Amino acid sequence: FFSGIPEFHNDDLTMVNFEGTLTNATKYANKTFVFKGPAKYAEILPAGSIDVTTVANNHSMDYLQAGFDDTVRNLEPYVAVSGYNRMPVVDVKGVKIGFASNTGWAFDAAQKKFIENAITNLRAAGADIIVFNYHWGVERSYQSNPTQRAIGRYCIDMGADLVIGHHPHVVQEVENYKGKAIAYSLGNLVFGGNRNPQEKNCLIFRQNFTVNLNTKQITASDYQALPYRVSSVNYRNDYHPVKMQ
């Protein structure tokens, strides 16, 4: 599935949103769409050179708490799992990167507390760089809304270095806020929810950090928003993303 994305195979760390469950549970949430697969599907992620997944999204509880717990347990042998109270710190070439993930339907006191506590806890765990993932926004909207912007900017204000968003299923804008990037929605990637989605455009967001290994300070940063398509063909979804020509 990820063999058409060379950036995943030649970077230092790859992070994705894992939107579904890996479980044998049969009791499911009362909702229109529920997603699940067998535990062995977790092996697809390291095969695609993926290192970190977030499970903070509106499908992680499709098969209730048992399904969520199974999913985390099945993912953890292969990738670091970020979501809600799970905040992994991953060492990359001597630099420790901390990950926090949440849903962002409201910017309220609880959301602010989550952000503040995440920053505090990740710094205490030794994180030199902090990345937030947020599942937020309105489906099929090509523009971020005020709630997304308030949450993303608050993350940066509190000390985050990068904010990545998803949920709208389409690409939204990237904001440079105080010299740091907020990518509001990357769209879909390997997307099993539709055999032929009308919107096939998506982004691979590639963030580059230069870090002084003595002081652990970020000395430079830049990014590329790389245009991709969720399918290598236009007439159906073959689940094989390729770069747009």
Protein backbone atom coordinates (compact mmCIF):
# COMPACT_ATOMS: atom_id res chain seq x y z
CA PHE A 1 0.00 0.00 0.00
CA PHE A 2 2.79 2.45 0.85
CA SER A 3 5.32 1.38 -1.77
CA GLY A 4 4.48 4.40 -3.95
CA ILE A 5 5.50 6.85 -1.22
CA PRO A 6 9.31 7.10 -1.27
CA GLU A 7 9.26 9.77 1.44
CA PHE A 8 8.09 7.17 3.96
CA HIS A 9 11.11 5.01 3.18
CA ASN A 10 13.85 7.65 3.17
CA ASP A 11 12.92 9.81 6.16
CA ASP A 12 13.87 9.48 9.82
CA LEU A 13 10.35 8.96 11.16
CA THR A 14 6.91 8.49 9.62
CA MET A 15 3.65 9.17 11.44
CA VAL A 16 0.09 8.38 10.31
CA ASN A 17 -3.45 8.49 11.64
CA PHE A 18 -4.78 4.94 12.06
CA GLU A 19 -8.54 5.25 11.68
CA GLY A 20 -10.21 1.98 12.48
CA THR A 21 -9.81 -1.05 14.73
CA LEU A 22 -7.86 -4.31 14.71
CA THR A 23 -10.04 -6.63 16.74
CA ASN A 24 -12.18 -9.75 16.85
CA ALA A 25 -14.82 -7.97 18.93
CA THR A 26 -18.38 -8.25 17.65
CA LYS A 27 -20.22 -5.61 19.68
CA TYR A 28 -20.02 -2.28 17.87
CA ALA A 29 -21.11 1.31 18.23
CA ASN A 30 -24.47 2.47 16.94
CA LYS A 31 -23.26 4.52 14.00
CA THR A 32 -23.42 4.53 10.20
CA PHE A 33 -19.88 3.31 9.50
CA VAL A 34 -17.74 1.01 11.64
CA PHE A 35 -14.32 -0.27 10.59
CA LYS A 36 -12.28 -3.25 11.71
CA GLY A 37 -9.65 -5.66 10.47
CA PRO A 38 -7.67 -8.62 11.82
CA ALA A 39 -4.65 -8.17 14.05
CA LYS A 40 -2.22 -9.24 11.30
CA TYR A 41 -3.01 -6.06 9.37
CA ALA A 42 -0.75 -4.22 11.83
CA GLU A 43 2.18 -5.72 9.91
CA ILE A 44 1.31 -3.45 6.98
CA LEU A 45 2.61 -0.45 8.95
CA PRO A 46 6.26 -1.45 9.44
CA ALA A 47 6.24 -2.79 5.87
CA GLY A 48 5.41 0.78 4.85
CA SER A 49 8.19 2.20 7.07
CA ILE A 50 5.68 3.74 9.50
CA ASP A 51 6.94 4.39 13.02
CA VAL A 52 4.14 6.19 14.91
CA THR A 53 0.36 6.00 14.70
CA THR A 54 -2.30 8.11 16.35
CA VAL A 55 -5.53 6.40 17.40
CA ALA A 56 -7.32 9.52 18.64
CA ASN A 57 -10.17 9.70 16.13
CA ASN A 58 -13.87 9.05 15.69
CA HIS A 59 -13.42 5.42 14.61
CA SER A 60 -11.06 4.15 17.30
CA MET A 61 -14.06 3.18 19.48
CA ASP A 62 -16.12 1.60 16.66
CA TYR A 63 -16.00 -1.72 18.51
CA LEU A 64 -16.27 -0.10 21.92
CA GLN A 65 -13.62 -0.27 24.64
CA ALA A 66 -12.71 -3.89 23.90
CA GLY A 67 -12.05 -3.03 20.27
CA PHE A 68 -9.95 -0.02 21.21
CA ASP A 69 -7.87 -2.01 23.69
CA ASP A 70 -7.35 -4.78 21.13
CA THR A 71 -6.25 -2.23 18.53
CA VAL A 72 -3.63 -0.67 20.79
CA ARG A 73 -2.37 -4.09 21.86
CA ASN A 74 -2.12 -5.26 18.25
CA LEU A 75 -0.36 -2.11 17.06
CA GLU A 76 2.19 -1.73 19.85
CA PRO A 77 4.58 -4.53 18.73
CA TYR A 78 5.07 -2.66 15.45
CA VAL A 79 4.69 1.09 16.03
CA ALA A 80 4.58 3.67 18.79
CA VAL A 81 0.93 4.45 19.58
CA SER A 82 -0.22 7.98 20.42
CA GLY A 83 -3.72 8.88 21.54
CA TYR A 84 -5.42 10.48 24.52
CA ASN A 85 -3.36 9.46 27.58
CA ARG A 86 -0.78 7.60 25.47
CA MET A 87 2.09 9.97 24.73
CA PRO A 88 5.13 8.13 23.41
CA VAL A 89 8.60 9.63 23.16
CA VAL A 90 10.68 8.27 20.28
CA ASP A 91 14.45 8.70 19.94
CA VAL A 92 15.55 9.71 16.44
CA LYS A 93 19.31 10.13 15.95
CA GLY A 94 19.72 11.30 19.53
CA VAL A 95 16.73 13.66 19.43
CA LYS A 96 13.68 12.74 21.50
CA ILE A 97 10.34 13.45 19.83
CA GLY A 98 7.15 13.39 21.90
CA PHE A 99 3.68 12.78 20.47
CA ALA A 100 0.29 13.84 21.81
CA SER A 101 -3.04 13.19 20.08
CA ASN A 102 -6.64 14.09 20.76
CA THR A 103 -9.97 14.83 19.12
CA GLY A 104 -10.68 18.51 18.65
CA TRP A 105 -14.43 19.03 18.48
CA ALA A 106 -14.33 21.89 21.03
CA PHE A 107 -11.84 24.40 22.35
CA ASP A 108 -12.85 24.43 25.99
CA ALA A 109 -11.25 24.19 29.42
CA ALA A 110 -10.79 20.44 29.10
CA GLN A 111 -9.03 20.85 25.76
CA LYS A 112 -6.72 23.50 27.14
CA LYS A 113 -5.90 21.28 30.11
CA PHE A 114 -5.12 18.35 27.80
CA ILE A 115 -2.71 20.49 25.80
CA GLU A 116 -1.02 22.00 28.85
CA ASN A 117 -0.65 18.62 30.59
CA ALA A 118 0.66 17.00 27.42
CA ILE A 119 3.36 19.63 27.03
CA THR A 120 4.35 19.32 30.69
CA ASN A 121 4.40 15.53 30.68
CA LEU A 122 6.31 15.20 27.40
CA ARG A 123 8.94 17.72 28.46
CA ALA A 124 9.30 15.85 31.76
CA ALA A 125 9.79 12.65 29.74
CA GLY A 126 12.69 14.31 27.93
CA ALA A 127 11.05 15.33 24.67
CA ASP A 128 13.13 17.83 22.69
CA ILE A 129 10.44 18.21 19.99
CA ILE A 130 6.68 17.94 20.57
CA VAL A 131 4.20 16.99 17.85
CA PHE A 132 0.41 17.14 18.25
CA ASN A 133 -2.09 15.22 16.13
CA TYR A 134 -5.69 16.45 16.14
CA HIS A 135 -8.76 14.83 14.68
CA TRP A 136 -11.04 17.80 14.09
CA GLY A 137 -12.91 19.99 11.64
CA VAL A 138 -15.84 19.43 9.31
CA GLU A 139 -15.94 16.60 6.80
CA ARG A 140 -15.47 17.68 3.17
CA SER A 141 -14.68 21.26 4.17
CA TYR A 142 -11.60 22.64 2.41
CA GLN A 143 -11.04 25.38 5.01
CA SER A 144 -10.26 25.08 8.70
CA ASN A 145 -12.82 26.42 11.14
CA PRO A 146 -12.32 28.71 14.17
CA THR A 147 -12.17 25.75 16.60
CA GLN A 148 -9.37 24.10 14.67
CA ARG A 149 -7.41 27.32 14.48
CA ALA A 150 -7.86 28.05 18.19
CA ILE A 151 -6.68 24.57 19.22
CA GLY A 152 -3.77 24.48 16.80
CA ARG A 153 -2.51 27.90 17.80
CA TYR A 154 -2.89 27.14 21.50
CA CYS A 155 -0.70 24.05 21.04
CA ILE A 156 2.01 26.25 19.54
CA ASP A 157 1.54 28.93 22.19
CA MET A 158 2.03 26.33 24.93
CA GLY A 159 5.24 24.99 23.37
CA ALA A 160 4.42 22.48 20.62
CA ASP A 161 6.65 22.42 17.56
CA LEU A 162 4.25 20.97 14.98
CA VAL A 163 0.50 20.31 14.71
CA ILE A 164 -0.99 17.85 12.21
CA GLY A 165 -4.73 17.57 11.57
CA HIS A 166 -7.11 15.10 9.95
CA HIS A 167 -10.79 14.12 9.73
CA PRO A 168 -12.26 16.31 6.94
CA HIS A 169 -11.21 13.71 4.30
CA VAL A 170 -10.02 16.57 2.08
CA VAL A 171 -6.96 18.81 2.09
CA GLN A 172 -7.07 22.03 4.11
CA GLU A 173 -4.54 24.83 4.38
CA VAL A 174 -1.18 24.83 6.13
CA GLU A 175 -0.62 27.78 8.45
CA ASN A 176 2.75 29.16 9.51
CA TYR A 177 2.02 30.35 13.05
CA LYS A 178 4.85 31.96 14.99
CA GLY A 179 7.31 30.19 12.71
CA LYS A 180 5.76 26.76 13.28
CA ALA A 181 3.48 24.74 11.02
CA ILE A 182 -0.14 23.76 11.56
CA ALA A 183 -1.36 21.42 8.81
CA TYR A 184 -5.11 21.50 9.32
CA SER A 185 -6.04 18.45 7.23
CA LEU A 186 -3.99 16.13 5.05
CA GLY A 187 -7.00 14.39 3.51
CA ASN A 188 -7.08 10.60 3.08
CA LEU A 189 -4.12 8.38 2.26
CA VAL A 190 -4.61 4.62 2.20
CA PHE A 191 -8.35 4.95 2.52
CA GLY A 192 -10.50 1.83 2.74
CA GLY A 193 -13.79 3.60 3.36
CA ASN A 194 -14.72 4.23 -0.28
CA ARG A 195 -14.09 2.17 -3.41
CA ASN A 196 -13.94 5.27 -5.59
CA PRO A 197 -13.79 8.54 -3.63
CA GLN A 198 -14.61 11.61 -5.66
CA GLU A 199 -11.83 13.56 -3.96
CA LYS A 200 -8.56 11.71 -4.45
CA ASN A 201 -6.13 14.53 -3.61
CA CYS A 202 -4.17 14.37 -0.37
CA LEU A 203 -0.94 15.62 1.18
CA ILE A 204 2.21 14.07 2.53
CA PHE A 205 3.46 16.66 5.00
CA ARG A 206 7.22 16.51 5.40
CA GLN A 207 8.68 18.46 8.31
CA ASN A 208 12.44 18.95 8.62
CA PHE A 209 14.06 19.88 11.93
CA THR A 210 17.73 20.71 12.44
CA VAL A 211 18.74 20.18 16.08
CA ASN A 212 21.93 21.05 17.95
CA LEU A 213 22.74 17.74 19.67
CA ASN A 214 24.62 19.48 22.47
CA THR A 215 21.88 21.92 23.49
CA LYS A 216 18.94 19.98 21.97
CA GLN A 217 17.65 23.25 20.57
CA ILE A 218 15.96 23.45 17.17
CA THR A 219 18.25 25.62 15.06
CA ALA A 220 16.28 25.49 11.80
CA SER A 221 13.04 24.06 10.43
CA ASP A 222 11.22 23.90 7.13
CA TYR A 223 8.57 21.77 5.50
CA GLN A 224 7.19 20.55 2.20
CA ALA A 225 3.51 19.87 1.56
CA LEU A 226 3.73 17.20 -1.13
CA PRO A 227 0.65 16.62 -3.32
CA TYR A 228 -0.42 12.98 -3.56
CA ARG A 229 -3.38 10.99 -4.83
CA VAL A 230 -4.99 8.20 -2.79
CA SER A 231 -5.04 5.94 -5.85
CA SER A 232 -2.68 5.29 -8.73
CA VAL A 233 -5.67 5.15 -11.10
CA ASN A 234 -8.55 7.59 -11.53
CA TYR A 235 -11.45 5.21 -12.18
CA ARG A 236 -11.33 3.40 -8.81
CA ASN A 237 -9.52 3.29 -5.48
CA ASP A 238 -6.62 0.85 -5.65
CA TYR A 239 -5.35 1.85 -2.16
CA HIS A 240 -1.94 2.70 -3.59
CA PRO A 241 -1.14 6.41 -3.12
CA VAL A 242 1.17 8.04 -5.66
CA LYS A 243 2.63 11.50 -6.05
CA MET A 244 0.76 13.87 -8.34
CA GLN A 245 2.57 14.55 -11.60
